[in-house]
């Protein structure tokens, strides 16, 4: 079996027996509303992934092009890697102190305590 295909098996269970079809619960809905940066209330999260720290900022309610532009500018200014997943920006490393002033320059706001 190639790596790109999923194996879809139903073993001995039928939907009529009270079983429910499992939806992909990992994906969150991306908001369709586009809000200007001054009306955002961003929060910071910190996670460990494979022993490395990841800084997560969000949730952004911008168009995909605008999110990619902001991400590219931030990565260039800080000198780190990052990505966008479901409206949240993820950066490699613990970068809260460096990211907050840069986002404040772009007129983003933060929830109190973040």
N, C-alpha and C. Protein backbone atom coordinates (compact mmCIF):
# COMPACT_ATOMS: atom_id res chain seq x y z
N UNK A 1 0.85 -1.17 0.00
CA UNK A 1 0.00 0.00 0.00
C UNK A 1 0.89 1.24 0.00
N UNK A 2 0.57 2.19 -0.85
CA UNK A 2 1.37 3.41 -0.89
C UNK A 2 1.11 4.27 0.33
N UNK A 3 2.00 5.20 0.60
CA UNK A 3 1.91 6.01 1.81
C UNK A 3 0.77 7.02 1.76
N UNK A 4 0.35 7.43 0.59
CA UNK A 4 -0.62 8.50 0.48
C UNK A 4 -2.07 8.07 0.61
N UNK A 5 -2.35 6.80 0.66
CA UNK A 5 -3.74 6.33 0.68
C UNK A 5 -4.10 5.83 2.07
N UNK A 6 -5.34 6.08 2.47
CA UNK A 6 -5.83 5.59 3.75
C UNK A 6 -6.54 4.26 3.54
N UNK A 7 -6.43 3.41 4.52
CA UNK A 7 -7.12 2.14 4.50
C UNK A 7 -8.46 2.32 5.20
N UNK A 8 -9.55 2.04 4.51
CA UNK A 8 -10.88 2.26 5.05
C UNK A 8 -11.57 0.90 5.22
N UNK A 9 -11.65 0.42 6.45
CA UNK A 9 -12.26 -0.87 6.72
C UNK A 9 -13.37 -0.74 7.75
N UNK A 10 -14.42 -1.45 7.53
CA UNK A 10 -15.46 -1.62 8.53
C UNK A 10 -15.47 -3.10 8.87
N UNK A 11 -15.10 -3.43 10.10
CA UNK A 11 -14.99 -4.84 10.48
C UNK A 11 -16.15 -5.20 11.40
N UNK A 12 -17.11 -5.92 10.87
CA UNK A 12 -18.17 -6.49 11.67
C UNK A 12 -19.17 -5.52 12.27
N UNK A 13 -19.12 -4.28 11.94
CA UNK A 13 -20.06 -3.31 12.51
C UNK A 13 -20.83 -2.65 11.39
N UNK A 14 -22.07 -2.42 11.66
CA UNK A 14 -22.89 -1.71 10.70
C UNK A 14 -23.41 -0.45 11.36
N UNK A 15 -23.64 0.55 10.57
CA UNK A 15 -24.09 1.84 11.10
C UNK A 15 -25.44 1.70 11.79
N UNK A 16 -26.28 0.80 11.31
CA UNK A 16 -27.61 0.62 11.89
C UNK A 16 -27.57 -0.01 13.27
N UNK A 17 -26.45 -0.58 13.70
CA UNK A 17 -26.32 -1.22 15.01
C UNK A 17 -26.05 -0.23 16.13
N UNK A 18 -26.24 1.04 15.88
CA UNK A 18 -25.99 2.03 16.91
C UNK A 18 -24.62 2.68 16.81
N UNK A 19 -23.83 2.27 15.85
CA UNK A 19 -22.51 2.86 15.65
C UNK A 19 -22.67 4.15 14.85
N UNK A 20 -21.82 5.08 15.09
CA UNK A 20 -21.84 6.34 14.34
C UNK A 20 -20.56 6.45 13.53
N UNK A 21 -20.69 7.05 12.39
CA UNK A 21 -19.52 7.26 11.55
C UNK A 21 -18.62 8.30 12.20
N UNK A 22 -17.33 8.02 12.27
CA UNK A 22 -16.38 8.92 12.91
C UNK A 22 -15.95 9.99 11.92
N UNK A 23 -16.16 11.23 12.31
CA UNK A 23 -15.71 12.35 11.50
C UNK A 23 -14.30 12.71 11.94
N UNK A 24 -13.57 13.41 11.09
CA UNK A 24 -12.21 13.82 11.42
C UNK A 24 -12.27 14.92 12.47
N UNK A 25 -12.08 14.56 13.73
CA UNK A 25 -12.24 15.49 14.85
C UNK A 25 -11.05 16.41 15.02
N UNK A 26 -9.94 16.14 14.38
CA UNK A 26 -8.74 16.95 14.57
C UNK A 26 -8.83 18.30 13.87
N UNK A 27 -9.59 18.41 12.84
CA UNK A 27 -9.68 19.66 12.11
C UNK A 27 -10.72 20.57 12.73
N UNK A 28 -10.34 21.80 12.94
CA UNK A 28 -11.31 22.78 13.42
C UNK A 28 -11.77 23.60 12.23
N UNK A 29 -12.91 24.20 12.38
CA UNK A 29 -13.43 25.01 11.30
C UNK A 29 -12.68 26.32 11.23
N UNK A 30 -12.28 26.71 10.03
CA UNK A 30 -11.61 27.97 9.84
C UNK A 30 -12.68 29.04 9.70
N UNK A 31 -12.53 30.08 10.46
CA UNK A 31 -13.53 31.14 10.46
C UNK A 31 -13.56 31.83 9.10
N UNK A 32 -14.74 32.11 8.62
CA UNK A 32 -14.90 32.79 7.34
C UNK A 32 -14.92 34.30 7.49
N UNK A 33 -15.07 34.79 8.72
CA UNK A 33 -15.11 36.22 8.95
C UNK A 33 -13.71 36.80 8.87
N UNK A 34 -13.58 37.93 8.18
CA UNK A 34 -12.30 38.63 8.10
C UNK A 34 -12.43 39.88 8.95
N UNK A 35 -11.55 39.99 9.94
CA UNK A 35 -11.60 41.09 10.89
C UNK A 35 -10.31 41.88 10.75
N UNK A 36 -10.39 43.19 10.88
CA UNK A 36 -9.18 44.01 10.81
C UNK A 36 -8.30 43.73 12.03
N UNK A 37 -6.97 43.95 11.90
CA UNK A 37 -6.05 43.60 12.98
C UNK A 37 -6.35 44.26 14.33
N UNK A 38 -6.86 45.48 14.34
CA UNK A 38 -7.10 46.15 15.61
C UNK A 38 -8.24 45.53 16.42
N UNK A 39 -9.05 44.66 15.80
CA UNK A 39 -10.15 44.01 16.50
C UNK A 39 -9.83 42.58 16.92
N UNK A 40 -8.61 42.13 16.66
CA UNK A 40 -8.18 40.81 17.08
C UNK A 40 -7.82 40.83 18.56
N UNK A 41 -8.07 39.71 19.22
CA UNK A 41 -7.60 39.50 20.59
C UNK A 41 -6.81 38.20 20.58
N UNK A 42 -5.50 38.31 20.40
CA UNK A 42 -4.65 37.14 20.24
C UNK A 42 -4.20 36.60 21.59
N UNK A 43 -3.89 35.31 21.60
CA UNK A 43 -3.34 34.69 22.80
C UNK A 43 -2.10 33.89 22.40
N UNK A 44 -1.23 33.67 23.37
CA UNK A 44 -0.04 32.86 23.18
C UNK A 44 -0.25 31.51 23.85
N UNK A 45 0.26 30.46 23.21
CA UNK A 45 0.31 29.13 23.80
C UNK A 45 1.72 28.60 23.61
N UNK A 46 2.15 27.75 24.51
CA UNK A 46 3.46 27.13 24.39
C UNK A 46 3.29 25.63 24.51
N UNK A 47 3.83 24.89 23.56
CA UNK A 47 3.73 23.43 23.56
C UNK A 47 5.11 22.82 23.35
N UNK A 48 5.24 21.60 23.79
CA UNK A 48 6.45 20.82 23.54
C UNK A 48 6.12 19.79 22.47
N UNK A 49 6.91 19.76 21.42
CA UNK A 49 6.73 18.77 20.36
C UNK A 49 8.08 18.13 20.08
N UNK A 50 8.14 16.84 20.34
CA UNK A 50 9.37 16.08 20.16
C UNK A 50 10.54 16.70 20.91
N UNK A 51 10.27 17.20 22.10
CA UNK A 51 11.31 17.77 22.94
C UNK A 51 11.65 19.21 22.63
N UNK A 52 11.02 19.80 21.64
CA UNK A 52 11.29 21.19 21.25
C UNK A 52 10.10 22.06 21.63
N UNK A 53 10.37 23.32 21.93
CA UNK A 53 9.31 24.26 22.29
C UNK A 53 8.74 24.90 21.03
N UNK A 54 7.42 25.04 20.99
CA UNK A 54 6.72 25.69 19.88
C UNK A 54 5.85 26.78 20.47
N UNK A 55 5.93 27.99 19.90
CA UNK A 55 5.08 29.10 20.31
C UNK A 55 3.92 29.20 19.33
N UNK A 56 2.71 29.23 19.85
CA UNK A 56 1.50 29.29 19.02
C UNK A 56 0.76 30.58 19.33
N UNK A 57 0.37 31.30 18.28
CA UNK A 57 -0.35 32.57 18.42
C UNK A 57 -1.63 32.49 17.62
N UNK A 58 -2.72 33.00 18.16
CA UNK A 58 -3.94 33.00 17.37
C UNK A 58 -5.12 33.42 18.21
N UNK A 59 -6.22 33.34 17.69
CA UNK A 59 -6.59 32.88 16.37
C UNK A 59 -6.74 34.08 15.46
N UNK A 60 -6.22 33.96 14.24
CA UNK A 60 -6.25 35.05 13.28
C UNK A 60 -7.49 34.92 12.39
N UNK A 61 -8.19 36.01 12.21
CA UNK A 61 -9.36 36.07 11.33
C UNK A 61 -9.02 36.97 10.15
N UNK A 62 -8.08 36.52 9.34
CA UNK A 62 -7.63 37.26 8.17
C UNK A 62 -7.73 36.36 6.95
N UNK A 63 -7.60 36.97 5.78
CA UNK A 63 -7.57 36.16 4.57
C UNK A 63 -6.27 35.35 4.56
N UNK A 64 -6.26 34.27 3.82
CA UNK A 64 -5.10 33.38 3.78
C UNK A 64 -3.87 34.12 3.26
N UNK A 65 -4.06 34.96 2.25
CA UNK A 65 -2.94 35.72 1.70
C UNK A 65 -2.34 36.66 2.74
N UNK A 66 -3.19 37.32 3.50
CA UNK A 66 -2.72 38.25 4.53
C UNK A 66 -1.99 37.49 5.65
N UNK A 67 -2.53 36.32 6.05
CA UNK A 67 -1.87 35.51 7.07
C UNK A 67 -0.48 35.09 6.61
N UNK A 68 -0.37 34.65 5.36
CA UNK A 68 0.92 34.20 4.83
C UNK A 68 1.91 35.36 4.76
N UNK A 69 1.44 36.55 4.41
CA UNK A 69 2.31 37.73 4.33
C UNK A 69 2.84 38.09 5.71
N UNK A 70 1.96 38.11 6.71
CA UNK A 70 2.37 38.44 8.08
C UNK A 70 3.34 37.38 8.61
N UNK A 71 3.05 36.10 8.36
CA UNK A 71 3.92 35.02 8.81
C UNK A 71 5.31 35.16 8.18
N UNK A 72 5.35 35.43 6.90
CA UNK A 72 6.63 35.56 6.20
C UNK A 72 7.45 36.72 6.78
N UNK A 73 6.80 37.86 7.03
CA UNK A 73 7.50 39.01 7.60
C UNK A 73 8.02 38.71 9.00
N UNK A 74 7.21 38.05 9.84
CA UNK A 74 7.63 37.73 11.20
C UNK A 74 8.80 36.74 11.21
N UNK A 75 8.72 35.72 10.35
CA UNK A 75 9.81 34.74 10.29
C UNK A 75 11.11 35.40 9.84
N UNK A 76 11.00 36.34 8.92
CA UNK A 76 12.19 37.03 8.41
C UNK A 76 12.81 37.91 9.50
N UNK A 77 11.97 38.64 10.25
CA UNK A 77 12.48 39.54 11.29
C UNK A 77 13.10 38.78 12.45
N UNK A 78 12.52 37.63 12.80
CA UNK A 78 13.00 36.88 13.96
C UNK A 78 14.07 35.86 13.57
N UNK A 79 13.99 35.33 12.37
CA UNK A 79 14.97 34.34 11.94
C UNK A 79 14.66 32.94 12.45
N UNK A 80 13.41 32.54 12.32
CA UNK A 80 13.01 31.20 12.76
C UNK A 80 12.04 30.62 11.75
N UNK A 81 11.70 29.36 11.94
CA UNK A 81 10.73 28.69 11.09
C UNK A 81 9.34 28.79 11.68
N UNK A 82 8.35 28.62 10.82
CA UNK A 82 6.98 28.68 11.30
C UNK A 82 6.00 28.26 10.23
N UNK A 83 4.73 28.12 10.64
CA UNK A 83 3.68 27.72 9.72
C UNK A 83 2.34 28.22 10.22
N UNK A 84 1.32 28.08 9.37
CA UNK A 84 -0.05 28.44 9.73
C UNK A 84 -0.88 27.16 9.70
N UNK A 85 -1.62 26.91 10.79
CA UNK A 85 -2.52 25.76 10.85
C UNK A 85 -3.84 26.20 11.44
N UNK A 86 -4.91 26.10 10.68
CA UNK A 86 -6.27 26.41 11.13
C UNK A 86 -6.40 27.79 11.74
N UNK A 87 -5.74 28.78 11.18
CA UNK A 87 -5.85 30.15 11.67
C UNK A 87 -4.91 30.48 12.81
N UNK A 88 -4.05 29.56 13.22
CA UNK A 88 -3.07 29.76 14.28
C UNK A 88 -1.68 29.75 13.65
N UNK A 89 -0.81 30.64 14.09
CA UNK A 89 0.57 30.67 13.63
C UNK A 89 1.44 29.94 14.63
N UNK A 90 2.30 29.07 14.13
CA UNK A 90 3.19 28.30 14.97
C UNK A 90 4.63 28.66 14.63
N UNK A 91 5.42 28.94 15.65
CA UNK A 91 6.82 29.31 15.47
C UNK A 91 7.70 28.35 16.24
N UNK A 92 8.87 28.05 15.68
CA UNK A 92 9.81 27.15 16.33
C UNK A 92 10.58 27.91 17.39
N UNK A 93 10.45 27.49 18.62
CA UNK A 93 11.17 28.10 19.72
C UNK A 93 10.25 28.87 20.64
N UNK A 94 10.81 29.34 21.74
CA UNK A 94 10.06 30.14 22.71
C UNK A 94 10.29 31.61 22.37
N UNK A 95 9.36 32.22 21.66
CA UNK A 95 9.56 33.53 21.06
C UNK A 95 8.53 34.57 21.47
N UNK A 96 7.83 34.37 22.57
CA UNK A 96 6.77 35.29 22.97
C UNK A 96 7.29 36.71 23.12
N UNK A 97 8.46 36.87 23.77
CA UNK A 97 9.00 38.20 24.02
C UNK A 97 9.40 38.92 22.74
N UNK A 98 9.77 38.18 21.71
CA UNK A 98 10.16 38.80 20.44
C UNK A 98 8.95 39.06 19.54
N UNK A 99 7.95 38.19 19.60
CA UNK A 99 6.80 38.30 18.71
C UNK A 99 5.81 39.39 19.13
N UNK A 100 5.62 39.56 20.43
CA UNK A 100 4.60 40.49 20.91
C UNK A 100 4.83 41.93 20.41
N UNK A 101 6.05 42.50 20.53
CA UNK A 101 6.23 43.87 20.02
C UNK A 101 6.03 43.98 18.51
N UNK A 102 6.42 42.95 17.77
CA UNK A 102 6.25 42.98 16.32
C UNK A 102 4.77 42.96 15.93
N UNK A 103 3.98 42.19 16.64
CA UNK A 103 2.54 42.14 16.36
C UNK A 103 1.84 43.41 16.83
N UNK A 104 2.32 44.02 17.90
CA UNK A 104 1.75 45.29 18.35
C UNK A 104 1.99 46.39 17.31
N UNK A 105 3.13 46.35 16.62
CA UNK A 105 3.41 47.30 15.54
C UNK A 105 2.41 47.14 14.39
N UNK A 106 1.92 45.93 14.19
CA UNK A 106 0.94 45.65 13.13
C UNK A 106 -0.49 45.94 13.58
N UNK A 107 -0.65 46.53 14.77
CA UNK A 107 -1.94 46.92 15.35
C UNK A 107 -2.78 45.75 15.86
N UNK A 108 -2.16 44.62 16.15
CA UNK A 108 -2.89 43.51 16.78
C UNK A 108 -2.96 43.77 18.28
N UNK A 109 -4.02 43.25 18.92
CA UNK A 109 -4.16 43.37 20.36
C UNK A 109 -4.13 41.99 20.98
N UNK A 110 -3.87 41.95 22.28
CA UNK A 110 -3.76 40.68 23.00
C UNK A 110 -4.74 40.69 24.16
N UNK A 111 -5.20 39.49 24.52
CA UNK A 111 -6.03 39.37 25.72
C UNK A 111 -5.18 39.69 26.93
N UNK A 112 -5.78 40.19 27.97
CA UNK A 112 -5.02 40.55 29.17
C UNK A 112 -4.33 39.31 29.75
N UNK A 113 -3.10 39.49 30.15
CA UNK A 113 -2.33 38.39 30.70
C UNK A 113 -1.53 37.65 29.67
N UNK A 114 -1.62 38.01 28.41
CA UNK A 114 -0.86 37.32 27.35
C UNK A 114 0.13 38.25 26.73
